[in-house]
N, C-alpha and C. Protein backbone atom coordinates (compact mmCIF):
# COMPACT_ATOMS: atom_id res chain seq x y z
N MET A 1 -3.42 15.00 7.60
CA MET A 1 -1.91 14.60 7.37
C MET A 1 -2.07 14.62 5.74
N PRO A 2 -0.90 15.00 5.45
CA PRO A 2 -0.91 14.78 3.88
C PRO A 2 -0.34 13.36 3.53
N ASP A 3 -0.82 13.02 2.32
CA ASP A 3 -0.51 11.61 1.67
C ASP A 3 1.02 11.85 1.32
N ALA A 4 1.41 10.64 1.13
CA ALA A 4 3.04 10.27 0.63
C ALA A 4 3.45 11.10 -0.42
N ALA A 5 2.70 11.64 -1.28
CA ALA A 5 3.19 12.89 -2.36
C ALA A 5 3.36 13.92 -1.97
N GLY A 6 2.68 14.21 -0.96
CA GLY A 6 2.60 15.71 -0.15
C GLY A 6 3.93 15.63 1.11
N CYS A 7 4.66 14.77 1.32
CA CYS A 7 5.17 14.76 2.59
C CYS A 7 6.56 15.49 2.59
N TRP A 8 6.98 15.91 1.23
CA TRP A 8 8.62 16.15 1.08
C TRP A 8 8.48 17.95 1.09
N GLY A 9 7.47 18.55 1.54
CA GLY A 9 7.49 19.88 1.30
C GLY A 9 6.16 20.74 1.75
N PRO A 10 5.91 22.01 1.53
CA PRO A 10 4.67 22.44 1.78
C PRO A 10 3.71 22.29 0.59
N GLU A 11 2.25 22.36 1.06
CA GLU A 11 1.60 21.98 -0.08
C GLU A 11 1.15 23.31 -0.42
N PRO A 12 0.76 23.33 -1.90
CA PRO A 12 0.71 24.60 -2.81
C PRO A 12 -0.11 25.51 -2.02
N GLY A 13 0.10 26.84 -1.87
CA GLY A 13 -0.52 27.93 -1.63
C GLY A 13 -0.06 28.18 0.15
N ALA A 14 0.86 27.31 0.71
CA ALA A 14 1.20 27.40 1.96
C ALA A 14 1.46 28.85 2.40
N ASP A 15 1.45 29.26 3.55
CA ASP A 15 1.88 30.64 4.06
C ASP A 15 3.58 30.56 4.26
N ALA A 16 4.19 31.79 4.27
CA ALA A 16 5.36 31.85 4.34
C ALA A 16 6.07 31.23 5.50
N GLY A 17 5.53 31.23 6.72
CA GLY A 17 6.04 30.32 8.03
C GLY A 17 5.95 29.05 7.64
N VAL A 18 4.98 28.74 7.14
CA VAL A 18 5.14 26.93 6.94
C VAL A 18 6.08 26.56 5.70
N LYS A 19 6.51 27.41 4.54
CA LYS A 19 7.49 27.34 3.65
C LYS A 19 8.66 27.19 4.68
N ALA A 20 8.79 28.45 5.41
CA ALA A 20 10.30 28.53 6.33
C ALA A 20 10.52 27.38 7.10
N ALA A 21 9.49 26.73 7.48
CA ALA A 21 9.62 25.57 8.52
C ALA A 21 10.02 24.60 7.65
N TRP A 22 9.10 24.27 6.58
CA TRP A 22 10.08 23.32 5.69
C TRP A 22 11.43 23.39 5.11
N ASP A 23 11.71 24.61 4.92
CA ASP A 23 12.99 24.81 4.46
C ASP A 23 14.16 24.71 5.71
N ALA A 24 13.69 24.83 6.75
CA ALA A 24 14.53 24.70 7.92
C ALA A 24 14.73 23.16 8.23
N LEU A 25 13.64 22.36 8.10
CA LEU A 25 13.81 20.97 8.49
C LEU A 25 14.44 20.51 7.25
N ALA A 26 14.62 20.69 6.05
CA ALA A 26 15.34 20.28 5.02
C ALA A 26 16.59 20.27 5.45
N GLY A 27 17.01 21.12 6.37
CA GLY A 27 18.63 21.20 6.66
C GLY A 27 18.96 20.17 7.80
N VAL A 28 17.94 19.38 8.45
CA VAL A 28 18.12 18.46 9.61
C VAL A 28 18.50 17.15 9.20
N MET A 29 19.55 16.59 9.31
CA MET A 29 20.04 15.45 9.20
C MET A 29 19.63 14.39 9.85
N ASP A 30 19.17 13.31 9.27
CA ASP A 30 18.92 11.92 10.25
C ASP A 30 20.00 11.63 10.87
N PRO A 31 20.16 11.39 12.13
CA PRO A 31 21.36 10.89 12.91
C PRO A 31 21.99 9.62 12.64
N GLU A 32 21.33 8.87 12.30
CA GLU A 32 21.81 7.41 11.93
C GLU A 32 22.20 7.23 10.45
N ILE A 33 21.45 8.21 9.45
CA ILE A 33 21.71 8.26 8.00
C ILE A 33 21.94 9.66 7.56
N PRO A 34 23.25 10.32 8.02
CA PRO A 34 23.38 11.57 8.14
C PRO A 34 23.45 12.01 6.60
N VAL A 35 23.17 11.23 5.63
CA VAL A 35 23.09 11.90 4.25
C VAL A 35 21.62 12.24 3.89
N LEU A 36 20.65 11.70 4.68
CA LEU A 36 19.28 11.82 4.33
C LEU A 36 18.70 12.99 5.54
N SER A 37 18.25 14.23 4.67
CA SER A 37 17.13 14.85 5.66
C SER A 37 16.08 14.37 6.16
N ILE A 38 15.66 14.81 7.43
CA ILE A 38 14.32 14.32 8.07
C ILE A 38 13.26 14.65 6.97
N VAL A 39 13.36 15.67 6.04
CA VAL A 39 12.26 15.59 5.20
C VAL A 39 12.55 14.68 4.12
N ASP A 40 13.51 14.38 3.29
CA ASP A 40 13.73 13.21 2.37
C ASP A 40 13.54 11.93 2.87
N LEU A 41 13.72 11.80 4.23
CA LEU A 41 13.63 10.31 4.89
C LEU A 41 11.97 10.18 4.94
N GLY A 42 11.30 11.44 4.87
CA GLY A 42 9.74 11.42 4.85
C GLY A 42 9.35 11.18 6.51
N ILE A 43 10.13 11.60 7.34
CA ILE A 43 9.38 11.31 8.89
C ILE A 43 8.76 12.90 9.21
N VAL A 44 8.98 13.96 8.25
CA VAL A 44 8.52 15.15 8.42
C VAL A 44 6.93 14.90 8.08
N ARG A 45 5.76 15.03 8.93
CA ARG A 45 4.53 14.55 8.33
C ARG A 45 3.81 15.80 7.89
N ALA A 46 3.86 16.49 8.73
CA ALA A 46 2.93 17.80 8.64
C ALA A 46 3.56 19.15 8.99
N VAL A 47 3.28 20.10 8.61
CA VAL A 47 3.62 21.29 9.36
C VAL A 47 2.49 22.35 9.07
N SER A 48 1.76 22.90 9.98
CA SER A 48 0.90 23.90 9.70
C SER A 48 0.86 24.98 10.44
N ALA A 49 0.03 26.10 10.55
CA ALA A 49 0.06 27.09 11.15
C ALA A 49 -1.51 27.42 11.74
N ASP A 50 -1.49 27.77 13.10
CA ASP A 50 -2.99 28.23 13.81
C ASP A 50 -3.24 29.66 13.20
N ALA A 51 -4.14 30.21 13.66
CA ALA A 51 -4.73 31.60 13.41
C ALA A 51 -3.51 32.52 13.72
N GLU A 52 -2.87 32.14 14.72
CA GLU A 52 -1.96 33.24 15.42
C GLU A 52 -0.67 33.07 14.78
N GLY A 53 -0.55 31.98 13.75
CA GLY A 53 0.80 31.70 13.21
C GLY A 53 1.69 31.15 13.66
N ARG A 54 1.33 30.66 14.83
CA ARG A 54 2.34 29.26 15.50
C ARG A 54 2.28 28.13 14.73
N LEU A 55 3.38 27.72 14.67
CA LEU A 55 3.47 26.51 13.75
C LEU A 55 3.49 25.18 14.48
N SER A 56 2.89 24.19 13.93
CA SER A 56 2.94 22.59 14.56
C SER A 56 3.53 21.90 13.40
N VAL A 57 4.42 21.21 14.09
CA VAL A 57 5.03 20.17 13.35
C VAL A 57 4.98 18.87 13.64
N ALA A 58 4.57 17.73 12.82
CA ALA A 58 4.78 16.65 13.28
C ALA A 58 5.50 15.73 12.57
N LEU A 59 6.03 14.90 13.65
CA LEU A 59 7.21 14.14 12.95
C LEU A 59 6.96 12.61 13.25
N THR A 60 7.04 11.80 12.31
CA THR A 60 6.72 10.22 12.41
C THR A 60 7.92 9.25 12.40
N PRO A 61 8.49 8.59 13.58
CA PRO A 61 9.65 8.19 13.36
C PRO A 61 9.58 7.02 12.70
N THR A 62 10.82 6.35 12.06
CA THR A 62 10.74 5.03 11.13
C THR A 62 10.28 4.05 12.14
N TYR A 63 10.37 3.98 13.26
CA TYR A 63 10.10 2.82 14.14
C TYR A 63 9.42 3.76 15.47
N SER A 64 8.48 3.01 15.99
CA SER A 64 7.62 3.72 17.15
C SER A 64 9.11 3.52 18.15
N GLY A 65 9.59 2.72 18.53
CA GLY A 65 10.90 2.84 19.23
C GLY A 65 12.35 2.99 18.92
N CYS A 66 12.34 4.22 17.79
CA CYS A 66 13.23 4.27 17.24
C CYS A 66 14.59 5.28 18.37
N PRO A 67 15.58 5.02 18.56
CA PRO A 67 16.38 5.46 19.53
C PRO A 67 16.81 6.81 19.38
N ALA A 68 16.90 7.35 17.88
CA ALA A 68 17.00 8.54 17.41
C ALA A 68 16.02 9.64 17.59
N THR A 69 14.62 9.23 17.91
CA THR A 69 13.72 10.24 17.86
C THR A 69 13.71 11.26 18.81
N GLY A 70 14.47 11.12 19.78
CA GLY A 70 14.46 12.53 20.68
C GLY A 70 15.58 13.43 20.20
N VAL A 71 16.81 12.97 19.66
CA VAL A 71 17.66 13.79 19.04
C VAL A 71 17.03 14.26 17.78
N ILE A 72 16.35 13.61 16.98
CA ILE A 72 15.77 14.21 15.86
C ILE A 72 14.81 15.36 16.04
N VAL A 73 13.83 15.31 17.27
CA VAL A 73 12.85 16.34 17.76
C VAL A 73 13.98 17.33 18.35
N LEU A 74 14.75 17.28 19.10
CA LEU A 74 15.65 18.27 19.34
C LEU A 74 16.35 19.20 18.10
N GLU A 75 17.08 18.24 17.17
CA GLU A 75 17.47 18.81 16.13
C GLU A 75 16.67 20.06 15.40
N ALA A 76 15.04 19.24 15.07
CA ALA A 76 14.36 19.98 14.74
C ALA A 76 13.76 21.28 15.21
N GLU A 77 13.56 21.10 16.59
CA GLU A 77 13.48 22.42 17.42
C GLU A 77 14.41 23.55 17.40
N THR A 78 15.72 23.02 17.18
CA THR A 78 16.81 23.82 17.07
C THR A 78 16.81 24.39 15.88
N ALA A 79 16.64 23.98 14.73
CA ALA A 79 16.78 24.56 13.33
C ALA A 79 15.51 25.19 13.25
N LEU A 80 14.48 25.05 13.68
CA LEU A 80 13.30 25.84 13.54
C LEU A 80 13.39 27.28 14.40
N ALA A 81 13.90 27.17 15.90
CA ALA A 81 14.34 28.28 16.48
C ALA A 81 15.44 29.13 15.84
N ARG A 82 16.51 28.58 15.18
CA ARG A 82 17.47 29.31 14.31
C ARG A 82 16.78 30.17 13.23
N ALA A 83 15.99 29.77 12.97
CA ALA A 83 14.95 30.49 11.50
C ALA A 83 13.86 31.14 12.33
N ARG A 84 13.93 31.62 13.51
CA ARG A 84 13.11 32.43 14.15
C ARG A 84 11.60 32.15 14.05
N LEU A 85 11.28 30.79 13.90
CA LEU A 85 10.00 30.42 13.82
C LEU A 85 9.38 29.74 15.03
N ASP A 86 8.22 30.38 15.39
CA ASP A 86 7.61 30.19 16.81
C ASP A 86 6.84 28.71 16.20
N ALA A 87 7.33 27.49 16.96
CA ALA A 87 6.70 26.02 16.45
C ALA A 87 7.02 25.20 17.58
N ARG A 88 6.17 24.35 17.56
CA ARG A 88 5.98 23.26 18.47
C ARG A 88 5.86 22.00 17.66
N VAL A 89 6.71 21.02 17.90
CA VAL A 89 7.19 19.71 17.55
C VAL A 89 6.25 18.75 18.34
N SER A 90 5.91 17.69 17.67
CA SER A 90 5.26 16.69 18.32
C SER A 90 5.71 15.19 17.64
N VAL A 91 5.70 14.12 18.24
CA VAL A 91 5.94 13.04 17.62
C VAL A 91 4.29 12.44 17.42
N VAL A 92 4.13 12.09 16.32
CA VAL A 92 2.78 10.90 15.95
C VAL A 92 3.13 9.56 15.22
N ILE A 93 2.75 8.89 15.89
CA ILE A 93 3.02 7.38 15.47
C ILE A 93 2.03 6.62 14.66
N ALA A 94 0.91 7.45 14.53
CA ALA A 94 -0.23 6.74 13.55
C ALA A 94 -0.48 8.02 12.54
N PRO A 95 -0.58 7.75 11.30
CA PRO A 95 -0.33 6.48 10.63
C PRO A 95 1.33 6.02 10.99
N PRO A 96 1.45 4.84 10.81
CA PRO A 96 3.07 4.58 11.16
C PRO A 96 3.88 4.71 9.78
N TRP A 97 5.25 5.22 9.81
CA TRP A 97 6.01 5.52 8.75
C TRP A 97 6.02 4.29 8.07
N THR A 98 6.16 4.61 6.67
CA THR A 98 6.61 3.66 5.66
C THR A 98 7.76 3.88 4.55
N THR A 99 8.35 2.98 4.30
CA THR A 99 9.77 3.67 3.28
C THR A 99 9.17 3.90 1.93
N ASP A 100 8.16 3.72 1.79
CA ASP A 100 7.26 4.77 0.67
C ASP A 100 7.43 6.13 0.76
N TRP A 101 7.66 6.89 2.00
CA TRP A 101 7.71 7.96 2.48
C TRP A 101 9.02 8.68 2.12
N ILE A 102 10.14 7.64 1.73
CA ILE A 102 11.27 8.38 1.47
C ILE A 102 11.14 9.03 -0.05
N SER A 103 11.87 10.16 0.20
CA SER A 103 11.78 10.84 -1.18
C SER A 103 12.44 10.17 -2.38
N ASP A 104 12.41 10.40 -3.67
CA ASP A 104 13.32 10.19 -4.77
C ASP A 104 14.81 10.64 -4.39
N THR A 105 15.02 11.70 -4.25
CA THR A 105 15.96 12.29 -4.02
C THR A 105 16.84 11.55 -2.86
N GLY A 106 15.84 11.24 -1.75
CA GLY A 106 16.47 10.32 -0.49
C GLY A 106 17.06 8.94 -0.91
N ARG A 107 16.23 8.34 -1.96
CA ARG A 107 16.59 7.00 -2.47
C ARG A 107 18.03 7.01 -3.07
N GLU A 108 18.03 8.22 -3.85
CA GLU A 108 19.40 8.43 -4.62
C GLU A 108 20.44 8.48 -3.87
N LYS A 109 20.30 9.25 -2.72
CA LYS A 109 21.24 9.36 -1.80
C LYS A 109 21.72 8.26 -0.96
N LEU A 110 20.79 7.54 -0.67
CA LEU A 110 21.01 6.23 -0.03
C LEU A 110 21.93 5.16 -1.11
N ALA A 111 21.65 5.29 -2.36
CA ALA A 111 22.36 4.46 -3.29
C ALA A 111 23.80 5.18 -3.52
N GLU A 112 23.89 6.33 -3.43
CA GLU A 112 25.21 6.88 -3.42
C GLU A 112 26.04 6.33 -2.57
N VAL A 113 25.74 6.30 -1.40
CA VAL A 113 26.56 5.90 0.17
C VAL A 113 26.35 4.21 0.21
N GLY A 114 26.07 3.52 -0.79
CA GLY A 114 26.00 2.11 -0.46
C GLY A 114 25.06 1.36 0.35
N ILE A 115 23.89 2.15 0.45
CA ILE A 115 22.75 1.52 0.97
C ILE A 115 21.72 1.29 0.16
N VAL A 116 21.19 0.02 -0.09
CA VAL A 116 20.36 -0.06 -1.05
C VAL A 116 18.93 0.29 -0.69
N PRO A 117 18.30 1.27 -1.45
CA PRO A 117 16.89 1.79 -0.93
C PRO A 117 16.07 0.73 -1.29
N PRO A 118 14.84 0.86 -0.14
CA PRO A 118 13.61 0.04 -0.61
C PRO A 118 13.03 0.32 -1.70
N PRO A 119 12.55 -1.06 -2.26
CA PRO A 119 11.54 -0.60 -3.56
C PRO A 119 10.19 0.19 -3.38
N HIS A 120 9.69 0.77 -4.33
CA HIS A 120 8.46 1.47 -4.07
C HIS A 120 7.39 0.52 -3.98
N SER A 121 6.95 -0.20 -3.20
CA SER A 121 6.11 -1.10 -3.04
C SER A 121 5.12 -1.37 -2.05
N GLY A 122 5.27 -0.48 -1.14
CA GLY A 122 4.11 -0.16 0.12
C GLY A 122 4.14 -1.30 0.82
N LYS A 123 3.29 -1.51 1.52
CA LYS A 123 3.24 -2.51 2.69
C LYS A 123 2.99 -4.07 2.13
N ARG A 124 2.87 -4.11 0.90
CA ARG A 124 2.76 -5.27 0.01
C ARG A 124 4.02 -6.08 0.25
N ALA A 125 5.00 -5.26 0.55
CA ALA A 125 6.61 -5.75 0.60
C ALA A 125 6.67 -6.57 2.17
N LEU A 126 6.05 -6.31 2.97
CA LEU A 126 5.84 -7.34 4.36
C LEU A 126 5.44 -8.77 3.98
N THR A 127 4.73 -8.80 3.14
CA THR A 127 4.31 -10.19 2.80
C THR A 127 4.85 -10.97 1.66
N ALA A 128 5.20 -10.07 0.72
CA ALA A 128 5.75 -10.48 -0.71
C ALA A 128 7.01 -11.18 -0.71
N PRO A 129 7.13 -12.13 -1.68
CA PRO A 129 8.37 -12.93 -1.51
C PRO A 129 9.33 -11.95 -1.97
N ASP A 130 10.79 -12.38 -1.14
CA ASP A 130 11.97 -11.26 -1.44
C ASP A 130 12.21 -11.34 -2.96
N GLU A 131 12.49 -10.25 -3.12
CA GLU A 131 13.07 -10.12 -4.81
C GLU A 131 14.58 -10.03 -4.47
N GLY A 132 15.24 -10.00 -5.81
CA GLY A 132 16.74 -10.09 -5.93
C GLY A 132 17.13 -8.63 -5.61
N ILE A 133 18.29 -8.59 -4.68
CA ILE A 133 18.80 -7.31 -4.26
C ILE A 133 20.10 -7.41 -4.77
N ALA A 134 20.31 -6.31 -5.48
CA ALA A 134 21.49 -5.96 -6.41
C ALA A 134 22.66 -5.38 -5.48
N CYS A 135 23.74 -5.79 -5.45
CA CYS A 135 25.05 -5.14 -4.73
C CYS A 135 25.07 -3.86 -5.18
N PRO A 136 25.42 -2.89 -4.18
CA PRO A 136 25.47 -1.46 -4.72
C PRO A 136 26.82 -1.21 -5.19
N ARG A 137 27.94 -2.16 -4.80
CA ARG A 137 29.41 -1.92 -5.56
C ARG A 137 29.40 -2.52 -6.74
N CYS A 138 29.02 -3.85 -7.12
CA CYS A 138 29.35 -4.68 -8.54
C CYS A 138 27.94 -4.83 -9.33
N GLY A 139 26.83 -4.67 -8.73
CA GLY A 139 25.52 -4.60 -9.43
C GLY A 139 25.01 -6.13 -9.53
N SER A 140 25.66 -7.16 -8.95
CA SER A 140 25.59 -8.51 -9.00
C SER A 140 24.10 -8.85 -8.16
N GLU A 141 23.17 -9.60 -8.70
CA GLU A 141 22.30 -10.05 -7.83
C GLU A 141 22.35 -11.23 -6.91
N ASP A 142 23.69 -11.86 -6.97
CA ASP A 142 23.83 -13.05 -6.37
C ASP A 142 24.35 -12.53 -4.86
N THR A 143 23.37 -12.31 -4.08
CA THR A 143 23.56 -11.79 -2.63
C THR A 143 22.83 -12.60 -1.81
N ARG A 144 23.01 -12.32 -0.25
CA ARG A 144 22.74 -13.03 0.64
C ARG A 144 22.42 -11.86 1.97
N GLN A 145 21.26 -12.34 2.60
CA GLN A 145 20.95 -11.74 3.90
C GLN A 145 22.00 -12.27 4.98
N ILE A 146 22.88 -11.52 5.45
CA ILE A 146 23.60 -12.18 6.79
C ILE A 146 22.85 -11.97 8.10
N SER A 147 22.19 -10.85 8.26
CA SER A 147 21.44 -10.24 9.65
C SER A 147 20.36 -9.77 9.24
N ARG A 148 19.20 -9.96 9.84
CA ARG A 148 17.95 -9.19 9.57
C ARG A 148 18.19 -7.84 10.28
N PHE A 149 19.33 -7.57 11.07
CA PHE A 149 19.46 -6.14 11.65
C PHE A 149 20.87 -5.70 11.16
N GLY A 150 20.89 -4.45 10.45
CA GLY A 150 22.20 -4.16 10.18
C GLY A 150 23.02 -3.18 10.92
N SER A 151 23.33 -1.88 10.68
CA SER A 151 23.87 -0.89 11.36
C SER A 151 22.74 -0.25 12.13
N THR A 152 21.78 -0.14 11.72
CA THR A 152 20.48 0.33 12.52
C THR A 152 19.30 -0.53 12.40
N ALA A 153 18.52 -0.50 13.46
CA ALA A 153 16.96 -1.28 13.36
C ALA A 153 16.46 -1.61 12.04
N CYS A 154 16.52 -0.51 11.27
CA CYS A 154 15.64 -0.33 10.19
C CYS A 154 16.54 -0.75 8.97
N LYS A 155 17.61 -1.23 9.15
CA LYS A 155 18.21 -1.63 7.93
C LYS A 155 18.51 -3.23 8.20
N ALA A 156 18.93 -3.82 7.20
CA ALA A 156 19.28 -5.46 6.94
C ALA A 156 20.69 -5.58 6.56
N LEU A 157 21.63 -6.61 7.30
CA LEU A 157 22.95 -6.61 6.76
C LEU A 157 22.97 -7.63 5.43
N HIS A 158 23.56 -7.38 4.56
CA HIS A 158 23.43 -8.42 3.23
C HIS A 158 25.10 -8.61 2.82
N ALA A 159 25.45 -9.41 2.21
CA ALA A 159 26.55 -9.54 1.32
C ALA A 159 26.35 -10.16 -0.12
N CYS A 160 27.46 -9.67 -0.84
CA CYS A 160 27.30 -10.07 -2.34
C CYS A 160 28.27 -11.16 -2.34
N ASN A 161 27.83 -12.23 -3.01
CA ASN A 161 28.75 -13.59 -3.21
C ASN A 161 29.67 -13.42 -4.23
N ALA A 162 29.50 -12.24 -5.05
CA ALA A 162 30.37 -12.24 -6.03
C ALA A 162 31.51 -11.01 -5.88
N CYS A 163 31.25 -10.06 -5.14
CA CYS A 163 32.52 -9.40 -4.68
C CYS A 163 32.85 -9.40 -3.04
N LEU A 164 31.92 -10.18 -2.39
CA LEU A 164 32.04 -10.38 -1.26
C LEU A 164 32.00 -9.05 -0.05
N GLU A 165 31.43 -7.77 -0.88
CA GLU A 165 31.34 -6.67 0.00
C GLU A 165 29.94 -6.80 0.70
N PRO A 166 30.00 -6.38 2.10
CA PRO A 166 28.85 -6.45 2.93
C PRO A 166 28.09 -5.01 2.60
N PHE A 167 26.77 -5.05 2.77
CA PHE A 167 26.21 -3.58 2.60
C PHE A 167 24.51 -3.53 3.45
N ASP A 168 24.20 -2.69 3.70
CA ASP A 168 23.09 -2.66 4.27
C ASP A 168 21.67 -2.19 3.49
N VAL A 169 20.65 -2.97 3.45
CA VAL A 169 19.53 -2.77 2.83
C VAL A 169 18.37 -2.18 3.79
N PHE A 170 17.98 -1.13 3.34
CA PHE A 170 16.64 -0.53 4.19
C PHE A 170 15.56 -1.45 4.00
N LYS A 171 15.08 -1.90 5.12
CA LYS A 171 14.11 -2.92 5.16
C LYS A 171 12.33 -2.02 4.83
N CYS A 172 11.69 -2.60 4.24
CA CYS A 172 10.44 -2.21 3.57
C CYS A 172 9.47 -2.57 5.23
N HIS A 173 8.83 -1.26 5.07
CA HIS A 173 7.76 -1.24 6.17
C HIS A 173 7.02 -0.04 6.18
């Protein structure tokens, strides 16, 4: 498995099939956050080719019980087939996905649609004290959590006390 720095595209020197697979997967959007590709979300963990050129794609869902996993696998298989690539897609739950695997482009896209991206803090964020979360609409840090669960299980619902706007915050994990 590549480390987090290598999870958004092919490794240097990768063969043409692996590069084409990454390109095809970059066009697969997450069904719960359709502004993000599954590559930008960091759930494409690895693409490799065997000696015969058959590709293997490993996907790690954001949660082991993520309801969108089946749809994501189907969309990935469809994109690879449309690119005329011989590939097998598998779901790998270890190591578990972390928000640190969201690309910088993905973080920018989340912010553009009003979802607060998680900080680059790694697993420390699970036990660290809560940091101030700025409202994506007005920038105020006078915000509060309304619910631990937002529009999807991987987000929490917050509200701004200044402008009263509700907004999602991607949970760190």
